[in-house]
Amino acid sequence: MIKTSIKITLERLDPEECYRFVADDSCGGIAAFIGVVGNDTLKERVPIWKKEYYSDGEVWVNAHP
């Protein structure tokens, strides 16, 4: 069964409440971004490195701009 949950609010978000809202025993983990997203050109000027390790030994690396 696929469960989609969404909450739209004008109120300030509480990270613990958000965690409880999405927590589910079928999930392997929860990732959250807390910060500000701006409309700037930082990513065009500074390389962003991302490296992921998988259980089968695969590694994925990406650098951009």
Protein backbone atom coordinates (compact mmCIF):
# COMPACT_ATOMS: atom_id res chain seq x y z
CA MET A 1 0.00 0.00 0.00
CA ILE A 2 1.33 3.45 -0.94
CA LYS A 3 0.68 6.16 1.61
CA THR A 4 1.08 9.80 0.69
CA SER A 5 1.09 12.33 3.49
CA ILE A 6 1.22 16.07 3.13
CA LYS A 7 0.63 18.92 5.51
CA ILE A 8 0.27 22.51 4.37
CA THR A 9 0.49 25.16 7.06
CA LEU A 10 1.38 28.79 7.57
CA GLU A 11 2.66 27.98 11.06
CA ARG A 12 6.31 27.62 12.01
CA LEU A 13 7.51 24.01 11.62
CA ASP A 14 8.72 21.99 14.58
CA PRO A 15 11.38 19.47 13.41
CA GLU A 16 10.31 16.86 15.99
CA GLU A 17 6.68 17.11 14.90
CA CYS A 18 7.75 16.74 11.26
CA TYR A 19 9.78 13.65 12.13
CA ARG A 20 6.82 12.05 13.92
CA PHE A 21 4.53 12.94 11.01
CA VAL A 22 6.63 11.02 8.45
CA ALA A 23 8.06 8.26 10.67
CA ASP A 24 7.05 4.75 9.58
CA ASP A 25 8.48 1.35 10.48
CA SER A 26 8.71 0.50 6.77
CA CYS A 27 11.17 3.37 6.18
CA GLY A 28 14.90 2.88 6.33
CA GLY A 29 15.56 6.45 7.38
CA ILE A 30 14.42 10.01 7.31
CA ALA A 31 16.40 12.89 5.80
CA ALA A 32 15.49 16.50 6.43
CA PHE A 33 16.80 19.80 5.12
CA ILE A 34 16.62 22.74 7.46
CA GLY A 35 17.87 25.93 5.94
CA VAL A 36 17.24 28.60 3.38
CA VAL A 37 17.09 28.12 -0.36
CA GLY A 38 17.96 31.27 -2.20
CA ASN A 39 17.95 32.39 -5.77
CA ASP A 40 21.67 32.95 -6.18
CA THR A 41 24.54 31.77 -8.35
CA LEU A 42 26.63 30.05 -5.65
CA LYS A 43 26.24 26.63 -7.30
CA GLU A 44 27.48 28.09 -10.56
CA ARG A 45 30.66 29.38 -8.90
CA VAL A 46 31.46 26.63 -6.35
CA PRO A 47 31.62 22.90 -7.18
CA ILE A 48 29.14 20.83 -5.17
CA TRP A 49 30.47 17.34 -4.38
CA LYS A 50 28.19 14.46 -3.61
CA LYS A 51 29.41 10.95 -2.80
CA GLU A 52 27.13 8.04 -1.99
CA TYR A 53 28.06 4.53 -0.87
CA TYR A 54 25.76 1.60 -1.52
CA SER A 55 25.61 -1.77 0.25
CA ASP A 56 26.72 -3.56 -2.95
CA GLY A 57 29.97 -1.55 -2.99
CA GLU A 58 28.95 0.91 -5.69
CA VAL A 59 30.09 4.48 -5.24
CA TRP A 60 28.56 7.48 -7.00
CA VAL A 61 30.36 10.80 -7.12
CA ASN A 62 29.25 13.99 -8.82
CA ALA A 63 30.75 17.43 -9.03
CA HIS A 64 29.17 20.31 -10.81
CA PRO A 65 28.58 23.22 -11.92
